[in-house]
Amino acid sequence: MGRVLPLLALRAFVETGRKGSLKAAAEAMGVTSGAVSQQIRLLEQRVGAPLFTRTRYGVRLTEAGVRAHPDLLRAFDQIERSLDSLEAAAARKTVTVSTVPSFAASWLAPRLGRFTEAHPEVEVRVEASGKLVDLRRDRIDVAIRHGLGDYPGLEARHLMTPVFLPVACPELLKTGPMIRRPADCLGYPLLQDSDRADWRLWLKAHGVEGDPLAERGSSFDDDFTLIRAAISGQGLALVRDIYAADELASGRLALALDCSWPSRFAYYSLTLAGTIPRPEVEAFVSWLDEEAGA
């Protein structure tokens, strides 16, 4: 006890070892690459051994660095968690949620009032963006993502598995050709997802293959815009049931054919693994489970 620890130099060592790059470590610390390099030199002088060797791709830990890095990495992670706990104790109860715009607009936002009614002391902040986020770095409490459930380092809870439905505005279906089977959908303009894959795969799943019409038509980056185009009568859209539920219930959209197709992907709520969520975060995740089940 009582030793003066070179915390800045140790942090520079930890981040450089974590990132494998002086530049990336500098960005993580909010300093220059030169400052990181200087701190590492000071630490090497103090311990009397080189800690990194340069490679064509960045830097690599030496044998001495490899021995010391894991313990220091855990120590700094623990310091960060402790600081988060101290800040959380003094802060207002806020839950920051990250999800894609279409899910936020079509599913989360219409239901969020029920959480606020049940937990008026908790403020929910929704960040609707398709960009990748780092829950710890970006201070995100809960992320809602669409995928296969494989999220290393995160605790994933299954919310729902949507199915695809062929829908259109009722007026278009009244004036257009009769749709009795999946192949009949090709008689209408098809509104496509950005990859132009959903219609082709849906038709293939129902035994219709090789028709070039399956990949033609206007394409849209997100389900919300795709639904708006369908409501305006531009064509048939293949959309996830959870996004079209309100439009179908109100009559703005109609089911073109009662022939759904389960998706391989599902929605998951994600939190940091190995941590105990704050009570307000646990309450929000539990509420998501209840809403998805309902």
C-alpha atoms as a PDB file:
ATOM      1  CA  MET A   1       0.000   0.000   0.000  1.00  0.00           C
ATOM      2  CA  GLY A   2       1.065   3.597  -0.423  1.00  0.00           C
ATOM      3  CA  ARG A   3       2.755   3.142  -3.804  1.00  0.00           C
ATOM      4  CA  VAL A   4       1.995   5.819  -6.374  1.00  0.00           C
ATOM      5  CA  LEU A   5       0.442   3.976  -9.298  1.00  0.00           C
ATOM      6  CA  PRO A   6       0.953   5.297 -12.852  1.00  0.00           C
ATOM      7  CA  LEU A   7      -2.750   4.965 -13.672  1.00  0.00           C
ATOM      8  CA  LEU A   8      -2.600   6.884 -16.960  1.00  0.00           C
ATOM      9  CA  ALA A   9       0.290   4.763 -18.204  1.00  0.00           C
ATOM     10  CA  LEU A  10      -1.470   1.575 -17.093  1.00  0.00           C
ATOM     11  CA  ARG A  11      -4.650   2.658 -18.898  1.00  0.00           C
ATOM     12  CA  ALA A  12      -2.647   3.342 -22.063  1.00  0.00           C
ATOM     13  CA  PHE A  13      -1.115  -0.142 -21.767  1.00  0.00           C
ATOM     14  CA  VAL A  14      -4.522  -1.792 -21.260  1.00  0.00           C
ATOM     15  CA  GLU A  15      -6.238  -0.013 -24.158  1.00  0.00           C
ATOM     16  CA  THR A  16      -3.349  -0.586 -26.566  1.00  0.00           C
ATOM     17  CA  GLY A  17      -3.299  -4.268 -25.668  1.00  0.00           C
ATOM     18  CA  ARG A  18      -7.067  -4.464 -26.067  1.00  0.00           C
ATOM     19  CA  LYS A  19      -7.154  -2.675 -29.424  1.00  0.00           C
ATOM     20  CA  GLY A  20      -3.812  -3.821 -30.862  1.00  0.00           C
ATOM     21  CA  SER A  21      -3.254  -0.283 -32.121  1.00  0.00           C
ATOM     22  CA  LEU A  22      -1.887   2.952 -30.671  1.00  0.00           C
ATOM     23  CA  LYS A  23      -4.342   4.979 -32.751  1.00  0.00           C
ATOM     24  CA  ALA A  24      -7.362   2.970 -31.614  1.00  0.00           C
ATOM     25  CA  ALA A  25      -6.208   3.199 -27.992  1.00  0.00           C
ATOM     26  CA  ALA A  26      -5.822   6.964 -28.348  1.00  0.00           C
ATOM     27  CA  GLU A  27      -9.382   7.261 -29.709  1.00  0.00           C
ATOM     28  CA  ALA A  28     -10.725   5.213 -26.802  1.00  0.00           C
ATOM     29  CA  MET A  29      -8.909   7.447 -24.297  1.00  0.00           C
ATOM     30  CA  GLY A  30      -9.620  10.721 -26.049  1.00  0.00           C
ATOM     31  CA  VAL A  31      -5.945  11.649 -26.439  1.00  0.00           C
ATOM     32  CA  THR A  32      -3.343  11.627 -29.228  1.00  0.00           C
ATOM     33  CA  SER A  33      -1.372   8.604 -30.392  1.00  0.00           C
ATOM     34  CA  GLY A  34       1.795  10.401 -29.278  1.00  0.00           C
ATOM     35  CA  ALA A  35       0.450  10.724 -25.749  1.00  0.00           C
ATOM     36  CA  VAL A  36      -0.341   6.998 -25.606  1.00  0.00           C
ATOM     37  CA  SER A  37       3.107   6.119 -26.947  1.00  0.00           C
ATOM     38  CA  GLN A  38       4.760   8.358 -24.341  1.00  0.00           C
ATOM     39  CA  GLN A  39       2.817   6.776 -21.470  1.00  0.00           C
ATOM     40  CA  ILE A  40       3.774   3.286 -22.627  1.00  0.00           C
ATOM     41  CA  ARG A  41       7.461   4.295 -22.774  1.00  0.00           C
ATOM     42  CA  LEU A  42       7.217   5.635 -19.208  1.00  0.00           C
ATOM     43  CA  LEU A  43       5.666   2.372 -18.045  1.00  0.00           C
ATOM     44  CA  GLU A  44       8.321   0.302 -19.827  1.00  0.00           C
ATOM     45  CA  GLN A  45      11.031   2.380 -18.151  1.00  0.00           C
ATOM     46  CA  ARG A  46       9.432   1.819 -14.759  1.00  0.00           C
ATOM     47  CA  VAL A  47       9.055  -1.965 -15.094  1.00  0.00           C
ATOM     48  CA  GLY A  48      12.329  -2.375 -16.979  1.00  0.00           C
ATOM     49  CA  ALA A  49      10.941  -4.476 -19.829  1.00  0.00           C
ATOM     50  CA  PRO A  50       9.410  -3.871 -23.267  1.00  0.00           C
ATOM     51  CA  LEU A  51       5.645  -4.405 -23.348  1.00  0.00           C
ATOM     52  CA  PHE A  52       4.914  -4.187 -27.089  1.00  0.00           C
ATOM     53  CA  THR A  53       6.553  -5.005 -30.385  1.00  0.00           C
ATOM     54  CA  ARG A  54       5.536  -3.330 -33.625  1.00  0.00           C
ATOM     55  CA  THR A  55       4.047  -5.332 -36.517  1.00  0.00           C
ATOM     56  CA  ARG A  56       2.877  -4.347 -39.978  1.00  0.00           C
ATOM     57  CA  TYR A  57      -0.692  -4.389 -38.637  1.00  0.00           C
ATOM     58  CA  GLY A  58      -0.153  -2.471 -35.373  1.00  0.00           C
ATOM     59  CA  VAL A  59       1.436  -3.563 -32.102  1.00  0.00           C
ATOM     60  CA  ARG A  60       1.624  -6.886 -30.291  1.00  0.00           C
ATOM     61  CA  LEU A  61       2.135  -7.659 -26.620  1.00  0.00           C
ATOM     62  CA  THR A  62       5.524  -9.063 -25.620  1.00  0.00           C
ATOM     63  CA  GLU A  63       5.776 -12.048 -23.281  1.00  0.00           C
ATOM     64  CA  ALA A  64       5.888  -9.693 -20.285  1.00  0.00           C
ATOM     65  CA  GLY A  65       2.904  -7.763 -21.615  1.00  0.00           C
ATOM     66  CA  VAL A  66       0.882 -10.946 -22.168  1.00  0.00           C
ATOM     67  CA  ARG A  67       1.409 -11.975 -18.536  1.00  0.00           C
ATOM     68  CA  ALA A  68       0.287  -8.630 -17.107  1.00  0.00           C
ATOM     69  CA  HIS A  69      -2.478  -7.551 -19.487  1.00  0.00           C
ATOM     70  CA  PRO A  70      -5.409  -9.838 -18.448  1.00  0.00           C
ATOM     71  CA  ASP A  71      -5.295  -8.841 -14.772  1.00  0.00           C
ATOM     72  CA  LEU A  72      -5.004  -5.145 -15.572  1.00  0.00           C
ATOM     73  CA  LEU A  73      -7.806  -5.394 -18.129  1.00  0.00           C
ATOM     74  CA  ARG A  74     -10.127  -6.918 -15.522  1.00  0.00           C
ATOM     75  CA  ALA A  75      -9.073  -4.279 -12.999  1.00  0.00           C
ATOM     76  CA  PHE A  76      -9.910  -1.363 -15.273  1.00  0.00           C
ATOM     77  CA  ASP A  77     -13.199  -2.972 -16.300  1.00  0.00           C
ATOM     78  CA  GLN A  78     -14.064  -3.316 -12.611  1.00  0.00           C
ATOM     79  CA  ILE A  79     -13.152   0.333 -11.999  1.00  0.00           C
ATOM     80  CA  GLU A  80     -15.429   1.365 -14.868  1.00  0.00           C
ATOM     81  CA  ARG A  81     -18.297  -0.748 -13.531  1.00  0.00           C
ATOM     82  CA  SER A  82     -17.829   0.729 -10.056  1.00  0.00           C
ATOM     83  CA  LEU A  83     -17.850   4.246 -11.483  1.00  0.00           C
ATOM     84  CA  ASP A  84     -21.017   3.441 -13.430  1.00  0.00           C
ATOM     85  CA  SER A  85     -22.633   2.280 -10.177  1.00  0.00           C
ATOM     86  CA  LEU A  86     -21.636   5.478  -8.374  1.00  0.00           C
ATOM     87  CA  GLU A  87     -22.952   7.636 -11.217  1.00  0.00           C
ATOM     88  CA  ALA A  88     -26.159   5.620 -11.435  1.00  0.00           C
ATOM     89  CA  ALA A  89     -26.815   6.068  -7.723  1.00  0.00           C
ATOM     90  CA  ALA A  90     -26.745   9.851  -8.103  1.00  0.00           C
ATOM     91  CA  ALA A  91     -28.496  10.031 -11.460  1.00  0.00           C
ATOM     92  CA  ARG A  92     -32.175  10.035 -12.309  1.00  0.00           C
ATOM     93  CA  LYS A  93     -33.596   6.647 -13.182  1.00  0.00           C
ATOM     94  CA  THR A  94     -33.150   6.498 -16.942  1.00  0.00           C
ATOM     95  CA  VAL A  95     -33.164   3.539 -19.332  1.00  0.00           C
ATOM     96  CA  THR A  96     -31.476   4.079 -22.695  1.00  0.00           C
ATOM     97  CA  VAL A  97     -32.740   1.762 -25.432  1.00  0.00           C
ATOM     98  CA  SER A  98     -31.210   1.229 -28.865  1.00  0.00           C
ATOM     99  CA  THR A  99     -33.205  -0.277 -31.721  1.00  0.00           C
ATOM    100  CA  VAL A 100     -33.781   0.150 -35.452  1.00  0.00           C
ATOM    101  CA  PRO A 101     -36.192   2.905 -36.606  1.00  0.00           C
ATOM    102  CA  SER A 102     -38.826   0.546 -38.031  1.00  0.00           C
ATOM    103  CA  PHE A 103     -39.131  -1.427 -34.779  1.00  0.00           C
ATOM    104  CA  ALA A 104     -39.149   1.759 -32.705  1.00  0.00           C
ATOM    105  CA  ALA A 105     -41.911   3.366 -34.787  1.00  0.00           C
ATOM    106  CA  SER A 106     -44.116   0.347 -35.441  1.00  0.00           C
ATOM    107  CA  TRP A 107     -43.844  -1.717 -32.254  1.00  0.00           C
ATOM    108  CA  LEU A 108     -42.025  -0.018 -29.374  1.00  0.00           C
ATOM    109  CA  ALA A 109     -43.332   3.565 -29.467  1.00  0.00           C
ATOM    110  CA  PRO A 110     -47.070   2.691 -29.501  1.00  0.00           C
ATOM    111  CA  ARG A 111     -46.609   0.512 -26.393  1.00  0.00           C
ATOM    112  CA  LEU A 112     -44.136   2.623 -24.429  1.00  0.00           C
ATOM    113  CA  GLY A 113     -46.881   4.543 -22.650  1.00  0.00           C
ATOM    114  CA  ARG A 114     -47.853   1.397 -20.770  1.00  0.00           C
ATOM    115  CA  PHE A 115     -44.354   1.117 -19.298  1.00  0.00           C
ATOM    116  CA  THR A 116     -44.373   4.790 -18.314  1.00  0.00           C
ATOM    117  CA  GLU A 117     -47.766   4.352 -16.674  1.00  0.00           C
ATOM    118  CA  ALA A 118     -46.504   1.385 -14.648  1.00  0.00           C
ATOM    119  CA  HIS A 119     -43.127   3.025 -13.840  1.00  0.00           C
ATOM    120  CA  PRO A 120     -43.634   6.813 -13.779  1.00  0.00           C
ATOM    121  CA  GLU A 121     -40.320   7.289 -11.963  1.00  0.00           C
ATOM    122  CA  VAL A 122     -38.326   5.870 -14.903  1.00  0.00           C
ATOM    123  CA  GLU A 123     -37.479   7.884 -18.016  1.00  0.00           C
ATOM    124  CA  VAL A 124     -36.955   5.897 -21.225  1.00  0.00           C
ATOM    125  CA  ARG A 125     -34.657   7.284 -23.908  1.00  0.00           C
ATOM    126  CA  VAL A 126     -34.993   5.574 -27.302  1.00  0.00           C
ATOM    127  CA  GLU A 127     -32.130   5.812 -29.798  1.00  0.00           C
ATOM    128  CA  ALA A 128     -33.593   4.709 -33.134  1.00  0.00           C
ATOM    129  CA  SER A 129     -30.697   3.919 -35.440  1.00  0.00           C
ATOM    130  CA  GLY A 130     -29.468   1.046 -37.567  1.00  0.00           C
ATOM    131  CA  LYS A 131     -25.813   1.591 -36.626  1.00  0.00           C
ATOM    132  CA  LEU A 132     -23.900  -0.946 -34.548  1.00  0.00           C
ATOM    133  CA  VAL A 133     -23.492   0.049 -30.911  1.00  0.00           C
ATOM    134  CA  ASP A 134     -21.206  -0.970 -28.070  1.00  0.00           C
ATOM    135  CA  LEU A 135     -23.438  -1.181 -24.990  1.00  0.00           C
ATOM    136  CA  ARG A 136     -20.646  -0.274 -22.559  1.00  0.00           C
ATOM    137  CA  ARG A 137     -18.939   2.409 -24.652  1.00  0.00           C
ATOM    138  CA  ASP A 138     -22.173   4.052 -25.838  1.00  0.00           C
ATOM    139  CA  ARG A 139     -23.880   3.718 -22.431  1.00  0.00           C
ATOM    140  CA  ILE A 140     -26.805   1.736 -23.828  1.00  0.00           C
ATOM    141  CA  ASP A 141     -28.813  -0.174 -21.216  1.00  0.00           C
ATOM    142  CA  VAL A 142     -30.893  -2.330 -23.573  1.00  0.00           C
ATOM    143  CA  ALA A 143     -30.532  -3.028 -27.287  1.00  0.00           C
ATOM    144  CA  ILE A 144     -33.317  -4.640 -29.310  1.00  0.00           C
ATOM    145  CA  ARG A 145     -31.967  -6.400 -32.367  1.00  0.00           C
ATOM    146  CA  HIS A 146     -33.190  -8.704 -35.131  1.00  0.00           C
ATOM    147  CA  GLY A 147     -30.939 -11.718 -35.691  1.00  0.00           C
ATOM    148  CA  LEU A 148     -30.180 -15.343 -34.883  1.00  0.00           C
ATOM    149  CA  GLY A 149     -29.527 -14.810 -31.160  1.00  0.00           C
ATOM    150  CA  ASP A 150     -25.743 -15.156 -31.267  1.00  0.00           C
ATOM    151  CA  TYR A 151     -24.416 -12.059 -29.481  1.00  0.00           C
ATOM    152  CA  PRO A 152     -21.065 -12.770 -27.732  1.00  0.00           C
ATOM    153  CA  GLY A 153     -20.600 -10.909 -24.465  1.00  0.00           C
ATOM    154  CA  LEU A 154     -24.293 -10.027 -24.232  1.00  0.00           C
ATOM    155  CA  GLU A 155     -27.262 -11.527 -22.430  1.00  0.00           C
ATOM    156  CA  ALA A 156     -29.885 -12.221 -25.114  1.00  0.00           C
ATOM    157  CA  ARG A 157     -33.564 -12.764 -24.317  1.00  0.00           C
ATOM    158  CA  HIS A 158     -35.880 -13.931 -27.075  1.00  0.00           C
ATOM    159  CA  LEU A 159     -38.797 -11.557 -27.594  1.00  0.00           C
ATOM    160  CA  MET A 160     -40.659 -12.730 -30.686  1.00  0.00           C
ATOM    161  CA  THR A 161     -40.282 -14.450 -34.025  1.00  0.00           C
ATOM    162  CA  PRO A 162     -42.201 -12.493 -36.677  1.00  0.00           C
ATOM    163  CA  VAL A 163     -43.765 -13.989 -39.784  1.00  0.00           C
ATOM    164  CA  PHE A 164     -43.996 -12.371 -43.209  1.00  0.00           C
ATOM    165  CA  LEU A 165     -47.430 -11.470 -44.569  1.00  0.00           C
ATOM    166  CA  PRO A 166     -48.365 -10.320 -48.118  1.00  0.00           C
ATOM    167  CA  VAL A 167     -50.405  -7.131 -47.708  1.00  0.00           C
ATOM    168  CA  ALA A 168     -51.790  -4.285 -49.818  1.00  0.00           C
ATOM    169  CA  CYS A 169     -54.308  -1.480 -49.543  1.00  0.00           C
ATOM    170  CA  PRO A 170     -57.900  -2.814 -49.875  1.00  0.00           C
ATOM    171  CA  GLU A 171     -58.662  -0.666 -52.932  1.00  0.00           C
ATOM    172  CA  LEU A 172     -55.771  -2.180 -54.894  1.00  0.00           C
ATOM    173  CA  LEU A 173     -56.929  -5.720 -54.109  1.00  0.00           C
ATOM    174  CA  LYS A 174     -60.521  -4.906 -55.097  1.00  0.00           C
ATOM    175  CA  THR A 175     -59.562  -3.616 -58.543  1.00  0.00           C
ATOM    176  CA  GLY A 176     -56.686  -6.014 -59.256  1.00  0.00           C
ATOM    177  CA  PRO A 177     -56.639  -9.690 -60.258  1.00  0.00           C
ATOM    178  CA  MET A 178     -57.840 -12.311 -57.779  1.00  0.00           C
ATOM    179  CA  ILE A 179     -55.156 -13.795 -55.515  1.00  0.00           C
ATOM    180  CA  ARG A 180     -55.864 -17.425 -54.678  1.00  0.00           C
ATOM    181  CA  ARG A 181     -52.309 -18.784 -54.396  1.00  0.00           C
ATOM    182  CA  PRO A 182     -48.801 -17.347 -53.894  1.00  0.00           C
ATOM    183  CA  ALA A 183     -48.003 -17.248 -57.636  1.00  0.00           C
ATOM    184  CA  ASP A 184     -50.947 -14.871 -58.174  1.00  0.00           C
ATOM    185  CA  CYS A 185     -49.031 -12.164 -56.264  1.00  0.00           C
ATOM    186  CA  LEU A 186     -46.810 -11.810 -59.338  1.00  0.00           C
ATOM    187  CA  GLY A 187     -49.746 -10.187 -61.124  1.00  0.00           C
ATOM    188  CA  TYR A 188     -49.212  -7.073 -58.961  1.00  0.00           C
ATOM    189  CA  PRO A 189     -46.275  -4.679 -58.593  1.00  0.00           C
ATOM    190  CA  LEU A 190     -44.148  -6.040 -55.759  1.00  0.00           C
ATOM    191  CA  LEU A 191     -42.669  -3.663 -53.196  1.00  0.00           C
ATOM    192  CA  GLN A 192     -39.229  -4.961 -52.302  1.00  0.00           C
ATOM    193  CA  ASP A 193     -36.911  -4.895 -49.287  1.00  0.00           C
ATOM    194  CA  SER A 194     -33.506  -3.284 -49.844  1.00  0.00           C
ATOM    195  CA  ASP A 195     -31.881  -6.638 -50.771  1.00  0.00           C
ATOM    196  CA  ARG A 196     -34.749  -7.704 -53.055  1.00  0.00           C
ATOM    197  CA  ALA A 197     -34.677 -11.081 -51.326  1.00  0.00           C
ATOM    198  CA  ASP A 198     -37.864 -11.387 -49.245  1.00  0.00           C
ATOM    199  CA  TRP A 199     -40.358 -11.886 -52.080  1.00  0.00           C
ATOM    200  CA  ARG A 200     -38.066 -14.308 -53.903  1.00  0.00           C
ATOM    201  CA  LEU A 201     -37.553 -16.408 -50.757  1.00  0.00           C
ATOM    202  CA  TRP A 202     -41.232 -16.259 -49.750  1.00  0.00           C
ATOM    203  CA  LEU A 203     -42.333 -17.437 -53.197  1.00  0.00           C
ATOM    204  CA  LYS A 204     -39.675 -20.166 -53.184  1.00  0.00           C
ATOM    205  CA  ALA A 205     -40.924 -21.352 -49.788  1.00  0.00           C
ATOM    206  CA  HIS A 206     -44.351 -21.771 -51.417  1.00  0.00           C
ATOM    207  CA  GLY A 207     -43.092 -23.577 -54.499  1.00  0.00           C
ATOM    208  CA  VAL A 208     -42.734 -20.654 -56.930  1.00  0.00           C
ATOM    209  CA  GLU A 209     -39.171 -20.385 -58.297  1.00  0.00           C
ATOM    210  CA  GLY A 210     -37.325 -18.748 -61.159  1.00  0.00           C
ATOM    211  CA  ASP A 211     -39.762 -15.987 -62.110  1.00  0.00           C
ATOM    212  CA  PRO A 212     -37.847 -12.710 -62.700  1.00  0.00           C
ATOM    213  CA  LEU A 213     -40.894 -10.711 -61.551  1.00  0.00           C
ATOM    214  CA  ALA A 214     -40.122 -11.824 -57.995  1.00  0.00           C
ATOM    215  CA  GLU A 215     -37.201  -9.360 -57.783  1.00  0.00           C
ATOM    216  CA  ARG A 216     -38.686  -6.408 -59.672  1.00  0.00           C
ATOM    217  CA  GLY A 217     -40.323  -3.312 -58.227  1.00  0.00           C
ATOM    218  CA  SER A 218     -39.426  -0.368 -56.009  1.00  0.00           C
ATOM    219  CA  SER A 219     -37.232  -1.205 -52.995  1.00  0.00           C
ATOM    220  CA  PHE A 220     -37.165   0.382 -49.542  1.00  0.00           C
ATOM    221  CA  ASP A 221     -34.574   0.493 -46.760  1.00  0.00           C
ATOM    222  CA  ASP A 222     -36.935  -0.142 -43.840  1.00  0.00           C
ATOM    223  CA  ASP A 223     -40.293  -1.767 -43.129  1.00  0.00           C
ATOM    224  CA  PHE A 224     -41.921   1.475 -42.004  1.00  0.00           C
ATOM    225  CA  THR A 225     -41.398   3.110 -45.420  1.00  0.00           C
ATOM    226  CA  LEU A 226     -42.392  -0.109 -47.164  1.00  0.00           C
ATOM    227  CA  ILE A 227     -45.707  -0.130 -45.305  1.00  0.00           C
ATOM    228  CA  ARG A 228     -46.370   3.515 -46.185  1.00  0.00           C
ATOM    229  CA  ALA A 229     -45.865   2.671 -49.860  1.00  0.00           C
ATOM    230  CA  ALA A 230     -48.296  -0.247 -49.597  1.00  0.00           C
ATOM    231  CA  ILE A 231     -50.925   1.922 -47.903  1.00  0.00           C
ATOM    232  CA  SER A 232     -50.677   4.409 -50.772  1.00  0.00           C
ATOM    233  CA  GLY A 233     -51.551   1.646 -53.251  1.00  0.00           C
ATOM    234  CA  GLN A 234     -48.170   1.260 -54.964  1.00  0.00           C
ATOM    235  CA  GLY A 235     -48.207  -2.547 -54.833  1.00  0.00           C
ATOM    236  CA  LEU A 236     -48.048  -5.654 -52.665  1.00  0.00           C
ATOM    237  CA  ALA A 237     -45.668  -5.601 -49.702  1.00  0.00           C
ATOM    238  CA  LEU A 238     -44.242  -8.541 -47.785  1.00  0.00           C
ATOM    239  CA  VAL A 239     -43.904  -7.309 -44.211  1.00  0.00           C
ATOM    240  CA  ARG A 240     -43.435  -8.674 -40.718  1.00  0.00           C
ATOM    241  CA  ASP A 241     -46.726  -9.199 -38.919  1.00  0.00           C
ATOM    242  CA  ILE A 242     -45.690  -7.111 -35.897  1.00  0.00           C
ATOM    243  CA  TYR A 243     -45.175  -4.067 -38.123  1.00  0.00           C
ATOM    244  CA  ALA A 244     -48.474  -4.353 -39.982  1.00  0.00           C
ATOM    245  CA  ALA A 245     -50.783  -5.254 -37.065  1.00  0.00           C
ATOM    246  CA  ASP A 246     -52.223  -1.756 -36.537  1.00  0.00           C
ATOM    247  CA  GLU A 247     -52.662  -1.115 -40.260  1.00  0.00           C
ATOM    248  CA  LEU A 248     -54.480  -4.443 -40.722  1.00  0.00           C
ATOM    249  CA  ALA A 249     -56.696  -3.806 -37.688  1.00  0.00           C
ATOM    250  CA  SER A 250     -57.636  -0.307 -38.913  1.00  0.00           C
ATOM    251  CA  GLY A 251     -58.286  -1.436 -42.479  1.00  0.00           C
ATOM    252  CA  ARG A 252     -55.544   0.683 -44.030  1.00  0.00           C
ATOM    253  CA  LEU A 253     -54.015  -2.596 -45.210  1.00  0.00           C
ATOM    254  CA  ALA A 254     -55.577  -5.938 -46.052  1.00  0.00           C
ATOM    255  CA  LEU A 255     -54.135  -9.423 -46.156  1.00  0.00           C
ATOM    256  CA  ALA A 256     -53.636 -10.360 -49.794  1.00  0.00           C
ATOM    257  CA  LEU A 257     -53.353 -14.069 -49.027  1.00  0.00           C
ATOM    258  CA  ASP A 258     -53.590 -15.996 -45.756  1.00  0.00           C
ATOM    259  CA  CYS A 259     -50.273 -17.699 -46.287  1.00  0.00           C
ATOM    260  CA  SER A 260     -47.567 -16.586 -43.854  1.00  0.00           C
ATOM    261  CA  TRP A 261     -43.912 -17.555 -43.802  1.00  0.00           C
ATOM    262  CA  PRO A 262     -42.034 -17.813 -40.496  1.00  0.00           C
ATOM    263  CA  SER A 263     -38.740 -15.954 -40.422  1.00  0.00           C
ATOM    264  CA  ARG A 264     -35.441 -17.582 -39.423  1.00  0.00           C
ATOM    265  CA  PHE A 265     -34.614 -14.429 -37.526  1.00  0.00           C
ATOM    266  CA  ALA A 266     -36.118 -13.258 -34.257  1.00  0.00           C
ATOM    267  CA  TYR A 267     -36.090 -10.152 -32.065  1.00  0.00           C
ATOM    268  CA  TYR A 268     -33.957 -10.201 -28.929  1.00  0.00           C
ATOM    269  CA  SER A 269     -33.427  -7.822 -26.034  1.00  0.00           C
ATOM    270  CA  LEU A 270     -29.720  -7.504 -25.247  1.00  0.00           C
ATOM    271  CA  THR A 271     -27.961  -6.441 -22.046  1.00  0.00           C
ATOM    272  CA  LEU A 272     -24.345  -6.756 -20.914  1.00  0.00           C
ATOM    273  CA  ALA A 273     -23.531 -10.305 -19.785  1.00  0.00           C
ATOM    274  CA  GLY A 274     -22.057 -10.859 -16.335  1.00  0.00           C
ATOM    275  CA  THR A 275     -23.533  -7.693 -14.830  1.00  0.00           C
ATOM    276  CA  ILE A 276     -26.448  -7.111 -12.484  1.00  0.00           C
ATOM    277  CA  PRO A 277     -28.861  -4.730 -14.256  1.00  0.00           C
ATOM    278  CA  ARG A 278     -30.136  -1.714 -12.371  1.00  0.00           C
ATOM    279  CA  PRO A 279     -33.700  -2.212 -11.085  1.00  0.00           C
ATOM    280  CA  GLU A 280     -35.157   0.123 -13.722  1.00  0.00           C
ATOM    281  CA  VAL A 281     -33.344  -1.749 -16.505  1.00  0.00           C
ATOM    282  CA  GLU A 282     -34.561  -5.109 -15.205  1.00  0.00           C
ATOM    283  CA  ALA A 283     -38.090  -3.680 -15.014  1.00  0.00           C
ATOM    284  CA  PHE A 284     -37.905  -2.535 -18.629  1.00  0.00           C
ATOM    285  CA  VAL A 285     -36.571  -5.879 -19.897  1.00  0.00           C
ATOM    286  CA  SER A 286     -39.291  -7.738 -17.981  1.00  0.00           C
ATOM    287  CA  TRP A 287     -41.892  -5.390 -19.480  1.00  0.00           C
ATOM    288  CA  LEU A 288     -40.552  -6.129 -22.974  1.00  0.00           C
ATOM    289  CA  ASP A 289     -40.987  -9.861 -22.274  1.00  0.00           C
ATOM    290  CA  GLU A 290     -44.597  -9.300 -21.194  1.00  0.00           C
ATOM    291  CA  GLU A 291     -45.447  -7.118 -24.188  1.00  0.00           C
ATOM    292  CA  ALA A 292     -43.870  -9.545 -26.648  1.00  0.00           C
ATOM    293  CA  GLY A 293     -45.738 -12.443 -25.048  1.00  0.00           C
ATOM    294  CA  ALA A 294     -49.016 -10.554 -25.242  1.00  0.00           C
END
